[in-house]
Amino acid sequence: MKIPKNIIQTGKYTSGGEFYTKDQQVSYKGYYYILNNSYYAGKEYSNKAPELIKIEQANTMLFNPSLAIFSVISGITSQMLKSPKVISIQPNIESNSVPERYFSSQINIKPTLIKEISKNTYDSLQENPLYQTTFIGPTQSIDQANNQLPGLKIWLLG
Protein backbone atom coordinates (compact mmCIF):
# COMPACT_ATOMS: atom_id res chain seq x y z
CA MET A 1 0.00 0.00 0.00
CA LYS A 2 1.40 3.37 -1.00
CA ILE A 3 1.12 6.18 1.57
CA PRO A 4 0.05 9.54 0.10
CA LYS A 5 2.87 12.06 0.52
CA ASN A 6 0.51 14.76 1.75
CA ILE A 7 -0.15 12.90 5.03
CA ILE A 8 3.55 12.48 5.90
CA GLN A 9 5.49 15.36 7.47
CA THR A 10 9.11 14.74 6.42
CA GLY A 11 12.46 16.45 6.82
CA LYS A 12 12.20 17.11 10.56
CA TYR A 13 15.38 16.98 12.67
CA THR A 14 16.11 16.54 16.37
CA SER A 15 19.50 17.17 17.96
CA GLY A 16 18.66 14.74 20.75
CA GLY A 17 16.79 14.76 24.04
CA GLU A 18 13.41 14.77 22.31
CA PHE A 19 12.83 11.10 21.35
CA TYR A 20 13.91 7.58 22.17
CA THR A 21 13.57 4.54 19.91
CA LYS A 22 10.64 2.30 20.78
CA ASP A 23 12.47 -0.99 20.10
CA GLN A 24 15.93 -0.31 21.53
CA GLN A 25 14.76 2.37 23.97
CA VAL A 26 17.74 4.62 23.47
CA SER A 27 17.96 8.35 22.84
CA TYR A 28 17.52 9.32 19.18
CA LYS A 29 19.29 12.09 17.27
CA GLY A 30 18.69 12.72 13.58
CA TYR A 31 15.97 13.13 10.99
CA TYR A 32 12.45 11.94 11.65
CA TYR A 33 9.03 12.12 10.06
CA ILE A 34 5.47 12.13 11.36
CA LEU A 35 2.75 9.80 10.09
CA ASN A 36 -0.69 9.54 11.75
CA ASN A 37 0.55 11.36 14.88
CA SER A 38 3.36 8.82 15.27
CA TYR A 39 7.08 9.55 14.89
CA TYR A 40 9.57 7.49 12.86
CA ALA A 41 13.34 7.68 12.31
CA GLY A 42 14.53 8.82 8.90
CA LYS A 43 14.37 11.74 6.52
CA GLU A 44 11.81 10.07 4.24
CA TYR A 45 9.03 7.50 4.75
CA SER A 46 10.09 3.86 5.02
CA ASN A 47 7.92 0.95 6.13
CA LYS A 48 10.99 -0.38 8.00
CA ALA A 49 11.74 2.82 9.93
CA PRO A 50 11.97 2.41 13.71
CA GLU A 51 9.20 4.09 15.67
CA LEU A 52 10.18 6.93 18.01
CA ILE A 53 8.58 7.87 21.33
CA LYS A 54 8.44 11.54 22.27
CA ILE A 55 10.06 11.90 25.69
CA GLU A 56 7.37 14.31 26.94
CA GLN A 57 4.76 11.59 26.21
CA ALA A 58 6.74 9.07 28.21
CA ASN A 59 7.13 11.49 31.13
CA THR A 60 3.40 12.31 31.21
CA MET A 61 2.48 8.65 31.49
CA LEU A 62 3.44 8.78 35.14
CA PHE A 63 0.70 11.34 35.80
CA ASN A 64 -1.98 8.82 34.77
CA PRO A 65 -3.25 7.34 38.09
CA SER A 66 -3.28 3.72 36.92
CA LEU A 67 0.18 4.06 35.42
CA ALA A 68 1.41 5.83 38.55
CA ILE A 69 0.57 2.70 40.54
CA PHE A 70 2.43 0.62 37.95
CA SER A 71 5.43 2.93 38.23
CA VAL A 72 5.55 2.46 42.01
CA ILE A 73 5.38 -1.33 41.64
CA SER A 74 7.88 -1.52 38.79
CA GLY A 75 10.28 1.12 40.12
CA ILE A 76 10.07 3.32 36.99
CA THR A 77 10.43 7.00 37.80
CA SER A 78 10.07 10.06 35.61
CA GLN A 79 13.84 10.56 36.02
CA MET A 80 14.41 7.17 34.35
CA LEU A 81 12.34 8.26 31.36
CA LYS A 82 14.37 11.38 30.70
CA SER A 83 16.93 11.33 27.95
CA PRO A 84 20.35 10.17 29.11
CA LYS A 85 23.21 12.62 28.94
CA VAL A 86 26.48 11.61 27.35
CA ILE A 87 29.44 12.53 29.51
CA SER A 88 32.40 13.47 27.38
CA ILE A 89 35.76 12.35 28.73
CA GLN A 90 38.86 13.69 27.04
CA PRO A 91 41.91 11.44 26.75
CA ASN A 92 45.10 12.37 28.55
CA ILE A 93 46.95 13.90 25.61
CA GLU A 94 50.34 13.76 27.33
CA SER A 95 50.26 9.98 27.78
CA ASN A 96 48.17 9.31 24.62
CA SER A 97 45.96 7.04 26.70
CA VAL A 98 42.35 6.44 25.79
CA PRO A 99 40.09 6.55 28.84
CA GLU A 100 37.82 3.67 29.64
CA ARG A 101 34.13 4.51 29.85
CA TYR A 102 31.67 2.24 31.63
CA PHE A 103 27.97 1.67 30.94
CA SER A 104 25.08 -0.25 32.42
CA SER A 105 21.45 -1.03 31.79
CA GLN A 106 18.99 -2.55 34.25
CA ILE A 107 17.24 -5.35 32.36
CA ASN A 108 14.11 -5.65 34.51
CA ILE A 109 12.96 -2.04 33.98
CA LYS A 110 11.24 -0.87 30.81
CA PRO A 111 11.99 1.30 29.03
CA THR A 112 15.53 0.06 29.36
CA LEU A 113 17.90 3.01 29.50
CA ILE A 114 21.65 2.99 29.21
CA LYS A 115 23.62 4.97 31.78
CA GLU A 116 27.26 5.93 31.94
CA ILE A 117 28.67 4.82 35.28
CA SER A 118 31.91 4.96 37.25
CA LYS A 119 34.51 2.17 37.35
CA ASN A 120 33.54 1.39 40.97
CA THR A 121 29.85 1.05 40.04
CA TYR A 122 30.80 -1.07 37.03
CA ASP A 123 32.85 -3.40 39.25
CA SER A 124 30.03 -3.68 41.81
CA LEU A 125 27.49 -4.67 39.12
CA GLN A 126 29.51 -7.52 37.61
CA GLU A 127 27.80 -10.22 39.71
CA ASN A 128 24.32 -8.63 39.62
CA PRO A 129 22.05 -10.54 37.18
CA LEU A 130 19.70 -7.55 36.84
CA TYR A 131 22.30 -5.47 35.00
CA GLN A 132 24.05 -5.63 31.66
CA THR A 133 27.38 -3.84 31.72
CA THR A 134 30.13 -3.05 29.29
CA PHE A 135 32.98 -0.63 28.70
CA ILE A 136 34.86 1.02 25.86
CA GLY A 137 38.53 1.81 25.92
CA PRO A 138 41.93 0.66 24.66
CA THR A 139 41.04 -3.04 24.89
CA GLN A 140 37.43 -2.89 23.64
CA SER A 141 35.87 -1.02 20.73
CA ILE A 142 32.46 0.60 20.63
CA ASP A 143 31.25 -2.19 18.31
CA GLN A 144 32.37 -4.87 20.78
CA ALA A 145 30.69 -3.00 23.63
CA ASN A 146 27.52 -2.60 21.55
CA ASN A 147 27.39 -6.39 21.13
CA GLN A 148 27.41 -6.73 24.93
CA LEU A 149 24.94 -3.88 25.52
CA PRO A 150 22.70 -3.51 22.44
CA GLY A 151 21.83 0.08 21.66
CA LEU A 152 24.98 1.57 23.21
CA LYS A 153 26.33 2.85 19.89
CA ILE A 154 23.08 4.68 19.11
CA TRP A 155 22.95 6.01 22.68
CA LEU A 156 26.47 7.42 22.34
CA LEU A 157 25.52 9.15 19.08
CA GLY A 158 22.33 10.57 20.68
C-alpha atoms as a PDB file:
ATOM      1  CA  MET A   1       0.000   0.000   0.000  1.00  0.00           C
ATOM      2  CA  LYS A   2       1.398   3.373  -1.004  1.00  0.00           C
ATOM      3  CA  ILE A   3       1.123   6.176   1.572  1.00  0.00           C
ATOM      4  CA  PRO A   4       0.055   9.538   0.099  1.00  0.00           C
ATOM      5  CA  LYS A   5       2.871  12.059   0.522  1.00  0.00           C
ATOM      6  CA  ASN A   6       0.508  14.756   1.747  1.00  0.00           C
ATOM      7  CA  ILE A   7      -0.145  12.904   5.029  1.00  0.00           C
ATOM      8  CA  ILE A   8       3.551  12.482   5.896  1.00  0.00           C
ATOM      9  CA  GLN A   9       5.488  15.356   7.474  1.00  0.00           C
ATOM     10  CA  THR A  10       9.105  14.740   6.416  1.00  0.00           C
ATOM     11  CA  GLY A  11      12.456  16.454   6.822  1.00  0.00           C
ATOM     12  CA  LYS A  12      12.199  17.114  10.556  1.00  0.00           C
ATOM     13  CA  TYR A  13      15.375  16.976  12.666  1.00  0.00           C
ATOM     14  CA  THR A  14      16.115  16.535  16.365  1.00  0.00           C
ATOM     15  CA  SER A  15      19.505  17.170  17.958  1.00  0.00           C
ATOM     16  CA  GLY A  16      18.657  14.737  20.752  1.00  0.00           C
ATOM     17  CA  GLY A  17      16.789  14.757  24.041  1.00  0.00           C
ATOM     18  CA  GLU A  18      13.411  14.768  22.314  1.00  0.00           C
ATOM     19  CA  PHE A  19      12.829  11.103  21.348  1.00  0.00           C
ATOM     20  CA  TYR A  20      13.908   7.578  22.169  1.00  0.00           C
ATOM     21  CA  THR A  21      13.566   4.542  19.913  1.00  0.00           C
ATOM     22  CA  LYS A  22      10.638   2.298  20.781  1.00  0.00           C
ATOM     23  CA  ASP A  23      12.470  -0.988  20.098  1.00  0.00           C
ATOM     24  CA  GLN A  24      15.932  -0.313  21.529  1.00  0.00           C
ATOM     25  CA  GLN A  25      14.758   2.369  23.969  1.00  0.00           C
ATOM     26  CA  VAL A  26      17.745   4.619  23.468  1.00  0.00           C
ATOM     27  CA  SER A  27      17.956   8.352  22.841  1.00  0.00           C
ATOM     28  CA  TYR A  28      17.517   9.315  19.183  1.00  0.00           C
ATOM     29  CA  LYS A  29      19.289  12.088  17.273  1.00  0.00           C
ATOM     30  CA  GLY A  30      18.688  12.716  13.585  1.00  0.00           C
ATOM     31  CA  TYR A  31      15.970  13.126  10.994  1.00  0.00           C
ATOM     32  CA  TYR A  32      12.451  11.938  11.646  1.00  0.00           C
ATOM     33  CA  TYR A  33       9.031  12.120  10.057  1.00  0.00           C
ATOM     34  CA  ILE A  34       5.466  12.134  11.361  1.00  0.00           C
ATOM     35  CA  LEU A  35       2.745   9.799  10.089  1.00  0.00           C
ATOM     36  CA  ASN A  36      -0.691   9.535  11.753  1.00  0.00           C
ATOM     37  CA  ASN A  37       0.548  11.358  14.878  1.00  0.00           C
ATOM     38  CA  SER A  38       3.365   8.824  15.273  1.00  0.00           C
ATOM     39  CA  TYR A  39       7.084   9.552  14.895  1.00  0.00           C
ATOM     40  CA  TYR A  40       9.573   7.487  12.862  1.00  0.00           C
ATOM     41  CA  ALA A  41      13.342   7.679  12.313  1.00  0.00           C
ATOM     42  CA  GLY A  42      14.525   8.824   8.899  1.00  0.00           C
ATOM     43  CA  LYS A  43      14.368  11.737   6.517  1.00  0.00           C
ATOM     44  CA  GLU A  44      11.813  10.070   4.235  1.00  0.00           C
ATOM     45  CA  TYR A  45       9.029   7.503   4.747  1.00  0.00           C
ATOM     46  CA  SER A  46      10.094   3.861   5.024  1.00  0.00           C
ATOM     47  CA  ASN A  47       7.921   0.951   6.135  1.00  0.00           C
ATOM     48  CA  LYS A  48      10.992  -0.377   7.996  1.00  0.00           C
ATOM     49  CA  ALA A  49      11.737   2.818   9.932  1.00  0.00           C
ATOM     50  CA  PRO A  50      11.968   2.408  13.714  1.00  0.00           C
ATOM     51  CA  GLU A  51       9.197   4.094  15.669  1.00  0.00           C
ATOM     52  CA  LEU A  52      10.178   6.932  18.006  1.00  0.00           C
ATOM     53  CA  ILE A  53       8.579   7.865  21.328  1.00  0.00           C
ATOM     54  CA  LYS A  54       8.444  11.538  22.268  1.00  0.00           C
ATOM     55  CA  ILE A  55      10.059  11.901  25.695  1.00  0.00           C
ATOM     56  CA  GLU A  56       7.367  14.313  26.941  1.00  0.00           C
ATOM     57  CA  GLN A  57       4.756  11.594  26.209  1.00  0.00           C
ATOM     58  CA  ALA A  58       6.743   9.073  28.212  1.00  0.00           C
ATOM     59  CA  ASN A  59       7.131  11.489  31.132  1.00  0.00           C
ATOM     60  CA  THR A  60       3.405  12.312  31.212  1.00  0.00           C
ATOM     61  CA  MET A  61       2.475   8.648  31.487  1.00  0.00           C
ATOM     62  CA  LEU A  62       3.435   8.776  35.145  1.00  0.00           C
ATOM     63  CA  PHE A  63       0.696  11.339  35.804  1.00  0.00           C
ATOM     64  CA  ASN A  64      -1.977   8.817  34.771  1.00  0.00           C
ATOM     65  CA  PRO A  65      -3.246   7.335  38.094  1.00  0.00           C
ATOM     66  CA  SER A  66      -3.277   3.716  36.924  1.00  0.00           C
ATOM     67  CA  LEU A  67       0.180   4.057  35.419  1.00  0.00           C
ATOM     68  CA  ALA A  68       1.415   5.829  38.550  1.00  0.00           C
ATOM     69  CA  ILE A  69       0.567   2.703  40.535  1.00  0.00           C
ATOM     70  CA  PHE A  70       2.432   0.617  37.947  1.00  0.00           C
ATOM     71  CA  SER A  71       5.428   2.927  38.229  1.00  0.00           C
ATOM     72  CA  VAL A  72       5.554   2.462  42.007  1.00  0.00           C
ATOM     73  CA  ILE A  73       5.376  -1.328  41.644  1.00  0.00           C
ATOM     74  CA  SER A  74       7.883  -1.517  38.786  1.00  0.00           C
ATOM     75  CA  GLY A  75      10.279   1.120  40.116  1.00  0.00           C
ATOM     76  CA  ILE A  76      10.070   3.319  36.989  1.00  0.00           C
ATOM     77  CA  THR A  77      10.427   7.000  37.803  1.00  0.00           C
ATOM     78  CA  SER A  78      10.073  10.055  35.606  1.00  0.00           C
ATOM     79  CA  GLN A  79      13.836  10.558  36.023  1.00  0.00           C
ATOM     80  CA  MET A  80      14.412   7.171  34.350  1.00  0.00           C
ATOM     81  CA  LEU A  81      12.344   8.262  31.363  1.00  0.00           C
ATOM     82  CA  LYS A  82      14.372  11.379  30.696  1.00  0.00           C
ATOM     83  CA  SER A  83      16.928  11.333  27.946  1.00  0.00           C
ATOM     84  CA  PRO A  84      20.351  10.173  29.105  1.00  0.00           C
ATOM     85  CA  LYS A  85      23.214  12.623  28.942  1.00  0.00           C
ATOM     86  CA  VAL A  86      26.482  11.609  27.353  1.00  0.00           C
ATOM     87  CA  ILE A  87      29.443  12.526  29.514  1.00  0.00           C
ATOM     88  CA  SER A  88      32.396  13.467  27.377  1.00  0.00           C
ATOM     89  CA  ILE A  89      35.758  12.346  28.732  1.00  0.00           C
ATOM     90  CA  GLN A  90      38.858  13.695  27.044  1.00  0.00           C
ATOM     91  CA  PRO A  91      41.910  11.440  26.752  1.00  0.00           C
ATOM     92  CA  ASN A  92      45.096  12.372  28.546  1.00  0.00           C
ATOM     93  CA  ILE A  93      46.954  13.901  25.609  1.00  0.00           C
ATOM     94  CA  GLU A  94      50.342  13.763  27.329  1.00  0.00           C
ATOM     95  CA  SER A  95      50.256   9.985  27.782  1.00  0.00           C
ATOM     96  CA  ASN A  96      48.174   9.314  24.619  1.00  0.00           C
ATOM     97  CA  SER A  97      45.965   7.044  26.701  1.00  0.00           C
ATOM     98  CA  VAL A  98      42.346   6.443  25.788  1.00  0.00           C
ATOM     99  CA  PRO A  99      40.087   6.546  28.842  1.00  0.00           C
ATOM    100  CA  GLU A 100      37.820   3.674  29.636  1.00  0.00           C
ATOM    101  CA  ARG A 101      34.126   4.508  29.852  1.00  0.00           C
ATOM    102  CA  TYR A 102      31.667   2.236  31.631  1.00  0.00           C
ATOM    103  CA  PHE A 103      27.974   1.670  30.942  1.00  0.00           C
ATOM    104  CA  SER A 104      25.078  -0.252  32.416  1.00  0.00           C
ATOM    105  CA  SER A 105      21.446  -1.026  31.790  1.00  0.00           C
ATOM    106  CA  GLN A 106      18.988  -2.549  34.253  1.00  0.00           C
ATOM    107  CA  ILE A 107      17.243  -5.350  32.358  1.00  0.00           C
ATOM    108  CA  ASN A 108      14.109  -5.646  34.509  1.00  0.00           C
ATOM    109  CA  ILE A 109      12.959  -2.044  33.975  1.00  0.00           C
ATOM    110  CA  LYS A 110      11.242  -0.867  30.810  1.00  0.00           C
ATOM    111  CA  PRO A 111      11.987   1.303  29.034  1.00  0.00           C
ATOM    112  CA  THR A 112      15.528   0.061  29.361  1.00  0.00           C
ATOM    113  CA  LEU A 113      17.901   3.009  29.503  1.00  0.00           C
ATOM    114  CA  ILE A 114      21.652   2.989  29.213  1.00  0.00           C
ATOM    115  CA  LYS A 115      23.622   4.975  31.784  1.00  0.00           C
ATOM    116  CA  GLU A 116      27.263   5.931  31.939  1.00  0.00           C
ATOM    117  CA  ILE A 117      28.672   4.818  35.282  1.00  0.00           C
ATOM    118  CA  SER A 118      31.913   4.960  37.255  1.00  0.00           C
ATOM    119  CA  LYS A 119      34.510   2.174  37.355  1.00  0.00           C
ATOM    120  CA  ASN A 120      33.537   1.395  40.968  1.00  0.00           C
ATOM    121  CA  THR A 121      29.853   1.049  40.042  1.00  0.00           C
ATOM    122  CA  TYR A 122      30.803  -1.074  37.026  1.00  0.00           C
ATOM    123  CA  ASP A 123      32.846  -3.400  39.254  1.00  0.00           C
ATOM    124  CA  SER A 124      30.029  -3.682  41.808  1.00  0.00           C
ATOM    125  CA  LEU A 125      27.488  -4.668  39.118  1.00  0.00           C
ATOM    126  CA  GLN A 126      29.510  -7.521  37.609  1.00  0.00           C
ATOM    127  CA  GLU A 127      27.800 -10.218  39.710  1.00  0.00           C
ATOM    128  CA  ASN A 128      24.324  -8.634  39.620  1.00  0.00           C
ATOM    129  CA  PRO A 129      22.047 -10.541  37.180  1.00  0.00           C
ATOM    130  CA  LEU A 130      19.695  -7.555  36.840  1.00  0.00           C
ATOM    131  CA  TYR A 131      22.301  -5.469  34.999  1.00  0.00           C
ATOM    132  CA  GLN A 132      24.045  -5.633  31.661  1.00  0.00           C
ATOM    133  CA  THR A 133      27.385  -3.841  31.718  1.00  0.00           C
ATOM    134  CA  THR A 134      30.133  -3.047  29.289  1.00  0.00           C
ATOM    135  CA  PHE A 135      32.984  -0.632  28.699  1.00  0.00           C
ATOM    136  CA  ILE A 136      34.860   1.022  25.856  1.00  0.00           C
ATOM    137  CA  GLY A 137      38.533   1.812  25.925  1.00  0.00           C
ATOM    138  CA  PRO A 138      41.932   0.662  24.662  1.00  0.00           C
ATOM    139  CA  THR A 139      41.036  -3.037  24.886  1.00  0.00           C
ATOM    140  CA  GLN A 140      37.431  -2.895  23.637  1.00  0.00           C
ATOM    141  CA  SER A 141      35.874  -1.020  20.725  1.00  0.00           C
ATOM    142  CA  ILE A 142      32.462   0.603  20.632  1.00  0.00           C
ATOM    143  CA  ASP A 143      31.254  -2.190  18.311  1.00  0.00           C
ATOM    144  CA  GLN A 144      32.370  -4.873  20.775  1.00  0.00           C
ATOM    145  CA  ALA A 145      30.692  -2.998  23.629  1.00  0.00           C
ATOM    146  CA  ASN A 146      27.518  -2.601  21.548  1.00  0.00           C
ATOM    147  CA  ASN A 147      27.389  -6.392  21.134  1.00  0.00           C
ATOM    148  CA  GLN A 148      27.412  -6.733  24.931  1.00  0.00           C
ATOM    149  CA  LEU A 149      24.942  -3.881  25.524  1.00  0.00           C
ATOM    150  CA  PRO A 150      22.704  -3.510  22.438  1.00  0.00           C
ATOM    151  CA  GLY A 151      21.833   0.084  21.661  1.00  0.00           C
ATOM    152  CA  LEU A 152      24.983   1.573  23.210  1.00  0.00           C
ATOM    153  CA  LYS A 153      26.331   2.846  19.886  1.00  0.00           C
ATOM    154  CA  ILE A 154      23.084   4.675  19.107  1.00  0.00           C
ATOM    155  CA  TRP A 155      22.949   6.013  22.675  1.00  0.00           C
ATOM    156  CA  LEU A 156      26.466   7.416  22.342  1.00  0.00           C
ATOM    157  CA  LEU A 157      25.519   9.146  19.084  1.00  0.00           C
ATOM    158  CA  GLY A 158      22.327  10.565  20.681  1.00  0.00           C
END
